[in-house]
Amino acid sequence: DGKRVSLADLIVLAGGVGVEKAAAAAGHNLVVPFHPGRMDA
């Protein structure tokens, strides 16, 4: 469908996943907002 993910977006999304995983490991449900739209230079 032409959709793509930039590495810039993926790096930020990955960081949010890391934060959510760490919160879950401590017994908390945390959702880190993410907004795509970055591009790679």
PDB file of all heavy atoms in Angstrom:
ATOM      1  N   ASP A   1       0.810  -1.224   0.000  1.00  0.00           N
ATOM      2  CA  ASP A   1       0.000   0.000   0.000  1.00  0.00           C
ATOM      3  C   ASP A   1       0.838   1.266   0.000  1.00  0.00           C
ATOM      4  O   ASP A   1       0.311   2.364   0.143  1.00  0.00           O
ATOM      5  CB  ASP A   1      -0.928   0.009   1.214  1.00  0.00           C
ATOM      6  CG  ASP A   1      -0.180  -0.156   2.533  1.00  0.00           C
ATOM      7  OD1 ASP A   1       1.069  -0.178   2.517  1.00  0.00           O
ATOM      8  OD2 ASP A   1      -0.838  -0.264   3.594  1.00  0.00           O
ATOM      9  N   GLY A   2       2.154   1.119  -0.153  1.00  0.00           N
ATOM     10  CA  GLY A   2       3.020   2.295  -0.212  1.00  0.00           C
ATOM     11  C   GLY A   2       3.436   2.834   1.134  1.00  0.00           C
ATOM     12  O   GLY A   2       4.256   3.752   1.201  1.00  0.00           O
ATOM     13  N   LYS A   3       2.896   2.291   2.211  1.00  0.00           N
ATOM     14  CA  LYS A   3       3.281   2.785   3.531  1.00  0.00           C
ATOM     15  C   LYS A   3       4.723   2.400   3.832  1.00  0.00           C
ATOM     16  O   LYS A   3       5.176   1.312   3.491  1.00  0.00           O
ATOM     17  CB  LYS A   3       2.357   2.241   4.616  1.00  0.00           C
ATOM     18  CG  LYS A   3       0.975   2.869   4.602  1.00  0.00           C
ATOM     19  CD  LYS A   3       0.145   2.431   5.796  1.00  0.00           C
ATOM     20  CE  LYS A   3      -1.206   3.137   5.796  1.00  0.00           C
ATOM     21  NZ  LYS A   3      -2.042   2.760   6.962  1.00  0.00           N
ATOM     22  N   ARG A   4       5.428   3.311   4.470  1.00  0.00           N
ATOM     23  CA  ARG A   4       6.823   3.099   4.814  1.00  0.00           C
ATOM     24  C   ARG A   4       7.057   3.585   6.244  1.00  0.00           C
ATOM     25  O   ARG A   4       6.328   4.427   6.766  1.00  0.00           O
ATOM     26  CB  ARG A   4       7.756   3.880   3.871  1.00  0.00           C
ATOM     27  CG  ARG A   4       7.646   3.493   2.408  1.00  0.00           C
ATOM     28  CD  ARG A   4       8.287   2.127   2.162  1.00  0.00           C
ATOM     29  NE  ARG A   4       8.285   1.771   0.749  1.00  0.00           N
ATOM     30  CZ  ARG A   4       7.299   1.116   0.155  1.00  0.00           C
ATOM     31  NH1 ARG A   4       6.223   0.778   0.849  1.00  0.00           N
ATOM     32  NH2 ARG A   4       7.388   0.810  -1.133  1.00  0.00           N
ATOM     33  N   VAL A   5       8.093   3.046   6.862  1.00  0.00           N
ATOM     34  CA  VAL A   5       8.545   3.572   8.145  1.00  0.00           C
ATOM     35  C   VAL A   5       9.991   4.016   7.970  1.00  0.00           C
ATOM     36  O   VAL A   5      10.823   3.284   7.415  1.00  0.00           O
ATOM     37  CB  VAL A   5       8.421   2.527   9.277  1.00  0.00           C
ATOM     38  CG1 VAL A   5       9.295   1.305   9.028  1.00  0.00           C
ATOM     39  CG2 VAL A   5       8.756   3.162  10.622  1.00  0.00           C
ATOM     40  N   SER A   6      10.270   5.218   8.363  1.00  0.00           N
ATOM     41  CA  SER A   6      11.643   5.714   8.306  1.00  0.00           C
ATOM     42  C   SER A   6      12.427   5.165   9.488  1.00  0.00           C
ATOM     43  O   SER A   6      11.845   4.766  10.516  1.00  0.00           O
ATOM     44  CB  SER A   6      11.661   7.240   8.349  1.00  0.00           C
ATOM     45  OG  SER A   6      11.183   7.709   9.604  1.00  0.00           O
ATOM     46  N   LEU A   7      13.734   5.127   9.360  1.00  0.00           N
ATOM     47  CA  LEU A   7      14.551   4.701  10.491  1.00  0.00           C
ATOM     48  C   LEU A   7      14.427   5.712  11.627  1.00  0.00           C
ATOM     49  O   LEU A   7      14.451   5.335  12.808  1.00  0.00           O
ATOM     50  CB  LEU A   7      16.017   4.540  10.071  1.00  0.00           C
ATOM     51  CG  LEU A   7      16.916   3.889  11.128  1.00  0.00           C
ATOM     52  CD1 LEU A   7      16.461   2.469  11.434  1.00  0.00           C
ATOM     53  CD2 LEU A   7      18.369   3.891  10.671  1.00  0.00           C
ATOM     54  N   ALA A   8      14.272   6.979  11.285  1.00  0.00           N
ATOM     55  CA  ALA A   8      14.104   8.009  12.318  1.00  0.00           C
ATOM     56  C   ALA A   8      12.887   7.712  13.174  1.00  0.00           C
ATOM     57  O   ALA A   8      12.931   7.796  14.413  1.00  0.00           O
ATOM     58  CB  ALA A   8      13.978   9.389  11.666  1.00  0.00           C
ATOM     59  N   ASP A   9      11.767   7.365  12.529  1.00  0.00           N
ATOM     60  CA  ASP A   9      10.563   7.011  13.285  1.00  0.00           C
ATOM     61  C   ASP A   9      10.761   5.717  14.065  1.00  0.00           C
ATOM     62  O   ASP A   9      10.328   5.592  15.215  1.00  0.00           O
ATOM     63  CB  ASP A   9       9.377   6.845  12.327  1.00  0.00           C
ATOM     64  CG  ASP A   9       8.593   8.128  12.131  1.00  0.00           C
ATOM     65  OD1 ASP A   9       8.774   9.066  12.920  1.00  0.00           O
ATOM     66  OD2 ASP A   9       7.789   8.184  11.175  1.00  0.00           O
ATOM     67  N   LEU A  10      11.416   4.751  13.451  1.00  0.00           N
ATOM     68  CA  LEU A  10      11.581   3.454  14.103  1.00  0.00           C
ATOM     69  C   LEU A  10      12.458   3.557  15.347  1.00  0.00           C
ATOM     70  O   LEU A  10      12.205   2.880  16.354  1.00  0.00           O
ATOM     71  CB  LEU A  10      12.176   2.451  13.115  1.00  0.00           C
ATOM     72  CG  LEU A  10      12.112   0.972  13.523  1.00  0.00           C
ATOM     73  CD1 LEU A  10      10.674   0.537  13.786  1.00  0.00           C
ATOM     74  CD2 LEU A  10      12.756   0.096  12.458  1.00  0.00           C
ATOM     75  N   ILE A  11      13.474   4.398  15.303  1.00  0.00           N
ATOM     76  CA  ILE A  11      14.333   4.593  16.475  1.00  0.00           C
ATOM     77  C   ILE A  11      13.522   5.144  17.645  1.00  0.00           C
ATOM     78  O   ILE A  11      13.633   4.678  18.789  1.00  0.00           O
ATOM     79  CB  ILE A  11      15.505   5.532  16.131  1.00  0.00           C
ATOM     80  CG1 ILE A  11      16.498   4.824  15.200  1.00  0.00           C
ATOM     81  CG2 ILE A  11      16.213   6.016  17.399  1.00  0.00           C
ATOM     82  CD1 ILE A  11      17.568   5.746  14.629  1.00  0.00           C
ATOM     83  N   VAL A  12      12.682   6.144  17.361  1.00  0.00           N
ATOM     84  CA  VAL A  12      11.866   6.743  18.422  1.00  0.00           C
ATOM     85  C   VAL A  12      10.820   5.750  18.915  1.00  0.00           C
ATOM     86  O   VAL A  12      10.585   5.625  20.128  1.00  0.00           O
ATOM     87  CB  VAL A  12      11.207   8.038  17.917  1.00  0.00           C
ATOM     88  CG1 VAL A  12      10.206   8.575  18.938  1.00  0.00           C
ATOM     89  CG2 VAL A  12      12.270   9.096  17.620  1.00  0.00           C
ATOM     90  N   LEU A  13      10.183   5.044  17.985  1.00  0.00           N
ATOM     91  CA  LEU A  13       9.196   4.046  18.384  1.00  0.00           C
ATOM     92  C   LEU A  13       9.844   2.975  19.257  1.00  0.00           C
ATOM     93  O   LEU A  13       9.264   2.538  20.267  1.00  0.00           O
ATOM     94  CB  LEU A  13       8.568   3.404  17.145  1.00  0.00           C
ATOM     95  CG  LEU A  13       7.497   2.346  17.399  1.00  0.00           C
ATOM     96  CD1 LEU A  13       6.307   2.929  18.144  1.00  0.00           C
ATOM     97  CD2 LEU A  13       7.043   1.713  16.078  1.00  0.00           C
ATOM     98  N   ALA A  14      11.051   2.561  18.895  1.00  0.00           N
ATOM     99  CA  ALA A  14      11.766   1.549  19.673  1.00  0.00           C
ATOM    100  C   ALA A  14      12.044   2.042  21.085  1.00  0.00           C
ATOM    101  O   ALA A  14      11.923   1.282  22.064  1.00  0.00           O
ATOM    102  CB  ALA A  14      13.071   1.174  18.978  1.00  0.00           C
ATOM    103  N   GLY A  15      12.410   3.306  21.222  1.00  0.00           N
ATOM    104  CA  GLY A  15      12.631   3.848  22.561  1.00  0.00           C
ATOM    105  C   GLY A  15      11.374   3.815  23.390  1.00  0.00           C
ATOM    106  O   GLY A  15      11.402   3.476  24.590  1.00  0.00           O
ATOM    107  N   GLY A  16      10.233   4.147  22.768  1.00  0.00           N
ATOM    108  CA  GLY A  16       8.961   4.075  23.481  1.00  0.00           C
ATOM    109  C   GLY A  16       8.620   2.661  23.897  1.00  0.00           C
ATOM    110  O   GLY A  16       8.093   2.428  24.998  1.00  0.00           O
ATOM    111  N   VAL A  17       8.921   1.689  23.034  1.00  0.00           N
ATOM    112  CA  VAL A  17       8.705   0.287  23.380  1.00  0.00           C
ATOM    113  C   VAL A  17       9.556  -0.095  24.589  1.00  0.00           C
ATOM    114  O   VAL A  17       9.101  -0.800  25.501  1.00  0.00           O
ATOM    115  CB  VAL A  17       9.026  -0.618  22.173  1.00  0.00           C
ATOM    116  CG1 VAL A  17       9.105  -2.088  22.599  1.00  0.00           C
ATOM    117  CG2 VAL A  17       7.977  -0.439  21.087  1.00  0.00           C
ATOM    118  N   GLY A  18      10.805   0.371  24.604  1.00  0.00           N
ATOM    119  CA  GLY A  18      11.668   0.089  25.743  1.00  0.00           C
ATOM    120  C   GLY A  18      11.103   0.634  27.038  1.00  0.00           C
ATOM    121  O   GLY A  18      11.126  -0.040  28.084  1.00  0.00           O
ATOM    122  N   VAL A  19      10.571   1.856  26.994  1.00  0.00           N
ATOM    123  CA  VAL A  19       9.977   2.460  28.186  1.00  0.00           C
ATOM    124  C   VAL A  19       8.751   1.658  28.627  1.00  0.00           C
ATOM    125  O   VAL A  19       8.553   1.382  29.826  1.00  0.00           O
ATOM    126  CB  VAL A  19       9.607   3.931  27.916  1.00  0.00           C
ATOM    127  CG1 VAL A  19       8.807   4.516  29.083  1.00  0.00           C
ATOM    128  CG2 VAL A  19      10.862   4.761  27.679  1.00  0.00           C
ATOM    129  N   GLU A  20       7.907   1.255  27.671  1.00  0.00           N
ATOM    130  CA  GLU A  20       6.706   0.481  28.008  1.00  0.00           C
ATOM    131  C   GLU A  20       7.066  -0.877  28.592  1.00  0.00           C
ATOM    132  O   GLU A  20       6.431  -1.341  29.557  1.00  0.00           O
ATOM    133  CB  GLU A  20       5.847   0.313  26.755  1.00  0.00           C
ATOM    134  CG  GLU A  20       5.211   1.614  26.275  1.00  0.00           C
ATOM    135  CD  GLU A  20       4.455   1.463  24.964  1.00  0.00           C
ATOM    136  OE1 GLU A  20       4.500   0.356  24.370  1.00  0.00           O
ATOM    137  OE2 GLU A  20       3.837   2.444  24.533  1.00  0.00           O
ATOM    138  N   LYS A  21       8.086  -1.519  28.022  1.00  0.00           N
ATOM    139  CA  LYS A  21       8.531  -2.810  28.560  1.00  0.00           C
ATOM    140  C   LYS A  21       9.026  -2.661  29.996  1.00  0.00           C
ATOM    141  O   LYS A  21       8.739  -3.503  30.858  1.00  0.00           O
ATOM    142  CB  LYS A  21       9.651  -3.385  27.688  1.00  0.00           C
ATOM    143  CG  LYS A  21       9.209  -3.979  26.365  1.00  0.00           C
ATOM    144  CD  LYS A  21      10.390  -4.578  25.604  1.00  0.00           C
ATOM    145  CE  LYS A  21      11.005  -5.751  26.323  1.00  0.00           C
ATOM    146  NZ  LYS A  21      12.085  -6.392  25.516  1.00  0.00           N
ATOM    147  N   ALA A  22       9.769  -1.594  30.244  1.00  0.00           N
ATOM    148  CA  ALA A  22      10.310  -1.376  31.584  1.00  0.00           C
ATOM    149  C   ALA A  22       9.202  -1.088  32.585  1.00  0.00           C
ATOM    150  O   ALA A  22       9.256  -1.541  33.741  1.00  0.00           O
ATOM    151  CB  ALA A  22      11.311  -0.222  31.547  1.00  0.00           C
ATOM    152  N   ALA A  23       8.181  -0.358  32.138  1.00  0.00           N
ATOM    153  CA  ALA A  23       7.052  -0.091  33.028  1.00  0.00           C
ATOM    154  C   ALA A  23       6.285  -1.377  33.326  1.00  0.00           C
ATOM    155  O   ALA A  23       5.892  -1.637  34.478  1.00  0.00           O
ATOM    156  CB  ALA A  23       6.132   0.948  32.393  1.00  0.00           C
ATOM    157  N   ALA A  24       6.085  -2.194  32.299  1.00  0.00           N
ATOM    158  CA  ALA A  24       5.373  -3.462  32.495  1.00  0.00           C
ATOM    159  C   ALA A  24       6.134  -4.377  33.445  1.00  0.00           C
ATOM    160  O   ALA A  24       5.529  -5.065  34.284  1.00  0.00           O
ATOM    161  CB  ALA A  24       5.159  -4.141  31.149  1.00  0.00           C
ATOM    162  N   ALA A  25       7.460  -4.382  33.326  1.00  0.00           N
ATOM    163  CA  ALA A  25       8.274  -5.219  34.209  1.00  0.00           C
ATOM    164  C   ALA A  25       8.145  -4.787  35.661  1.00  0.00           C
ATOM    165  O   ALA A  25       8.327  -5.599  36.580  1.00  0.00           O
ATOM    166  CB  ALA A  25       9.740  -5.168  33.773  1.00  0.00           C
ATOM    167  N   ALA A  26       7.816  -3.509  35.872  1.00  0.00           N
ATOM    168  CA  ALA A  26       7.629  -2.996  37.232  1.00  0.00           C
ATOM    169  C   ALA A  26       6.172  -3.101  37.674  1.00  0.00           C
ATOM    170  O   ALA A  26       5.826  -2.629  38.762  1.00  0.00           O
ATOM    171  CB  ALA A  26       8.096  -1.546  37.309  1.00  0.00           C
ATOM    172  N   GLY A  27       5.326  -3.681  36.810  1.00  0.00           N
ATOM    173  CA  GLY A  27       3.934  -3.899  37.188  1.00  0.00           C
ATOM    174  C   GLY A  27       2.991  -2.788  36.807  1.00  0.00           C
ATOM    175  O   GLY A  27       1.902  -2.676  37.379  1.00  0.00           O
ATOM    176  N   HIS A  28       3.382  -1.973  35.829  1.00  0.00           N
ATOM    177  CA  HIS A  28       2.543  -0.838  35.438  1.00  0.00           C
ATOM    178  C   HIS A  28       2.209  -0.907  33.953  1.00  0.00           C
ATOM    179  O   HIS A  28       3.033  -1.324  33.128  1.00  0.00           O
ATOM    180  CB  HIS A  28       3.257   0.479  35.721  1.00  0.00           C
ATOM    181  CG  HIS A  28       3.662   0.645  37.154  1.00  0.00           C
ATOM    182  ND1 HIS A  28       2.786   0.989  38.148  1.00  0.00           N
ATOM    183  CD2 HIS A  28       4.881   0.493  37.756  1.00  0.00           C
ATOM    184  CE1 HIS A  28       3.427   1.054  39.305  1.00  0.00           C
ATOM    185  NE2 HIS A  28       4.705   0.755  39.096  1.00  0.00           N
ATOM    186  N   ASN A  29       1.010  -0.483  33.619  1.00  0.00           N
ATOM    187  CA  ASN A  29       0.592  -0.398  32.223  1.00  0.00           C
ATOM    188  C   ASN A  29       0.808   1.038  31.763  1.00  0.00           C
ATOM    189  O   ASN A  29       0.115   1.952  32.210  1.00  0.00           O
ATOM    190  CB  ASN A  29      -0.877  -0.800  32.070  1.00  0.00           C
ATOM    191  CG  ASN A  29      -1.325  -0.749  30.621  1.00  0.00           C
ATOM    192  OD1 ASN A  29      -0.512  -0.929  29.716  1.00  0.00           O
ATOM    193  ND2 ASN A  29      -2.608  -0.509  30.401  1.00  0.00           N
ATOM    194  N   LEU A  30       1.752   1.243  30.880  1.00  0.00           N
ATOM    195  CA  LEU A  30       2.093   2.580  30.415  1.00  0.00           C
ATOM    196  C   LEU A  30       2.125   2.579  28.888  1.00  0.00           C
ATOM    197  O   LEU A  30       2.738   1.700  28.276  1.00  0.00           O
ATOM    198  CB  LEU A  30       3.466   3.001  30.960  1.00  0.00           C
ATOM    199  CG  LEU A  30       3.966   4.393  30.574  1.00  0.00           C
ATOM    200  CD1 LEU A  30       3.090   5.470  31.217  1.00  0.00           C
ATOM    201  CD2 LEU A  30       5.423   4.574  31.009  1.00  0.00           C
ATOM    202  N   VAL A  31       1.449   3.543  28.298  1.00  0.00           N
ATOM    203  CA  VAL A  31       1.469   3.706  26.843  1.00  0.00           C
ATOM    204  C   VAL A  31       2.187   5.012  26.525  1.00  0.00           C
ATOM    205  O   VAL A  31       1.785   6.084  26.991  1.00  0.00           O
ATOM    206  CB  VAL A  31       0.046   3.727  26.252  1.00  0.00           C
ATOM    207  CG1 VAL A  31       0.103   3.969  24.743  1.00  0.00           C
ATOM    208  CG2 VAL A  31      -0.667   2.416  26.550  1.00  0.00           C
ATOM    209  N   VAL A  32       3.253   4.901  25.742  1.00  0.00           N
ATOM    210  CA  VAL A  32       4.033   6.078  25.357  1.00  0.00           C
ATOM    211  C   VAL A  32       3.527   6.568  24.008  1.00  0.00           C
ATOM    212  O   VAL A  32       3.611   5.836  23.013  1.00  0.00           O
ATOM    213  CB  VAL A  32       5.536   5.738  25.268  1.00  0.00           C
ATOM    214  CG1 VAL A  32       6.330   6.953  24.810  1.00  0.00           C
ATOM    215  CG2 VAL A  32       6.047   5.239  26.604  1.00  0.00           C
ATOM    216  N   PRO A  33       2.980   7.767  23.927  1.00  0.00           N
ATOM    217  CA  PRO A  33       2.465   8.276  22.654  1.00  0.00           C
ATOM    218  C   PRO A  33       3.553   8.325  21.580  1.00  0.00           C
ATOM    219  O   PRO A  33       4.717   8.613  21.869  1.00  0.00           O
ATOM    220  CB  PRO A  33       1.978   9.684  23.009  1.00  0.00           C
ATOM    221  CG  PRO A  33       1.707   9.633  24.478  1.00  0.00           C
ATOM    222  CD  PRO A  33       2.741   8.703  25.040  1.00  0.00           C
ATOM    223  N   PHE A  34       3.145   8.039  20.344  1.00  0.00           N
ATOM    224  CA  PHE A  34       4.075   8.062  19.212  1.00  0.00           C
ATOM    225  C   PHE A  34       3.378   8.672  18.014  1.00  0.00           C
ATOM    226  O   PHE A  34       2.226   8.348  17.714  1.00  0.00           O
ATOM    227  CB  PHE A  34       4.541   6.643  18.870  1.00  0.00           C
ATOM    228  CG  PHE A  34       5.305   6.561  17.576  1.00  0.00           C
ATOM    229  CD1 PHE A  34       6.628   6.984  17.511  1.00  0.00           C
ATOM    230  CD2 PHE A  34       4.698   6.085  16.418  1.00  0.00           C
ATOM    231  CE1 PHE A  34       7.329   6.929  16.314  1.00  0.00           C
ATOM    232  CE2 PHE A  34       5.398   6.026  15.222  1.00  0.00           C
ATOM    233  CZ  PHE A  34       6.707   6.444  15.167  1.00  0.00           C
ATOM    234  N   HIS A  35       4.094   9.563  17.331  1.00  0.00           N
ATOM    235  CA  HIS A  35       3.546  10.239  16.158  1.00  0.00           C
ATOM    236  C   HIS A  35       4.526  10.112  14.999  1.00  0.00           C
ATOM    237  O   HIS A  35       5.612  10.699  15.041  1.00  0.00           O
ATOM    238  CB  HIS A  35       3.278  11.714  16.456  1.00  0.00           C
ATOM    239  CG  HIS A  35       2.396  11.929  17.646  1.00  0.00           C
ATOM    240  ND1 HIS A  35       2.892  12.265  18.897  1.00  0.00           N
ATOM    241  CD2 HIS A  35       1.055  11.827  17.787  1.00  0.00           C
ATOM    242  CE1 HIS A  35       1.899  12.382  19.747  1.00  0.00           C
ATOM    243  NE2 HIS A  35       0.764  12.122  19.104  1.00  0.00           N
ATOM    244  N   PRO A  36       4.188   9.345  13.974  1.00  0.00           N
ATOM    245  CA  PRO A  36       5.102   9.182  12.837  1.00  0.00           C
ATOM    246  C   PRO A  36       5.185  10.452  12.004  1.00  0.00           C
ATOM    247  O   PRO A  36       4.379  11.373  12.174  1.00  0.00           O
ATOM    248  CB  PRO A  36       4.450   8.044  12.047  1.00  0.00           C
ATOM    249  CG  PRO A  36       2.987   8.161  12.353  1.00  0.00           C
ATOM    250  CD  PRO A  36       2.912   8.621  13.786  1.00  0.00           C
ATOM    251  N   GLY A  37       6.152  10.476  11.115  1.00  0.00           N
ATOM    252  CA  GLY A  37       6.290  11.632  10.217  1.00  0.00           C
ATOM    253  C   GLY A  37       7.711  12.097  10.039  1.00  0.00           C
ATOM    254  O   GLY A  37       7.969  13.052   9.302  1.00  0.00           O
ATOM    255  N   ARG A  38       8.643  11.443  10.706  1.00  0.00           N
ATOM    256  CA  ARG A  38      10.055  11.785  10.533  1.00  0.00           C
ATOM    257  C   ARG A  38      10.585  11.153   9.240  1.00  0.00           C
ATOM    258  O   ARG A  38      10.054  10.154   8.762  1.00  0.00           O
ATOM    259  CB  ARG A  38      10.881  11.290  11.723  1.00  0.00           C
ATOM    260  CG  ARG A  38      10.456  11.864  13.067  1.00  0.00           C
ATOM    261  CD  ARG A  38      11.097  11.118  14.218  1.00  0.00           C
ATOM    262  NE  ARG A  38      10.606  11.599  15.507  1.00  0.00           N
ATOM    263  CZ  ARG A  38       9.474  11.189  16.077  1.00  0.00           C
ATOM    264  NH1 ARG A  38       8.723  10.279  15.473  1.00  0.00           N
ATOM    265  NH2 ARG A  38       9.089  11.669  17.240  1.00  0.00           N
ATOM    266  N   MET A  39      11.632  11.736   8.700  1.00  0.00           N
ATOM    267  CA  MET A  39      12.270  11.191   7.506  1.00  0.00           C
ATOM    268  C   MET A  39      13.765  11.027   7.762  1.00  0.00           C
ATOM    269  O   MET A  39      14.306  11.546   8.741  1.00  0.00           O
ATOM    270  CB  MET A  39      12.015  12.096   6.306  1.00  0.00           C
ATOM    271  CG  MET A  39      10.570  12.088   5.834  1.00  0.00           C
ATOM    272  SD  MET A  39      10.076  10.507   5.103  1.00  0.00           S
ATOM    273  CE  MET A  39      10.952  10.584   3.541  1.00  0.00           C
ATOM    274  N   ASP A  40      14.421  10.304   6.850  1.00  0.00           N
ATOM    275  CA  ASP A  40      15.849  10.022   6.994  1.00  0.00           C
ATOM    276  C   ASP A  40      16.665  10.907   6.062  1.00  0.00           C
ATOM    277  O   ASP A  40      16.426  10.931   4.844  1.00  0.00           O
ATOM    278  CB  ASP A  40      16.127   8.550   6.668  1.00  0.00           C
ATOM    279  CG  ASP A  40      15.396   7.600   7.598  1.00  0.00           C
ATOM    280  OD1 ASP A  40      15.120   7.997   8.741  1.00  0.00           O
ATOM    281  OD2 ASP A  40      15.109   6.462   7.168  1.00  0.00           O
ATOM    282  N   ALA A  41      17.602  11.636   6.629  1.00  0.00           N
ATOM    283  CA  ALA A  41      18.509  12.461   5.829  1.00  0.00           C
ATOM    284  C   ALA A  41      19.615  11.585   5.245  1.00  0.00           C
ATOM    285  O   ALA A  41      19.974  10.545   5.806  1.00  0.00           O
ATOM    286  CB  ALA A  41      19.110  13.564   6.681  1.00  0.00           C
TER     287      ALA A  41
END
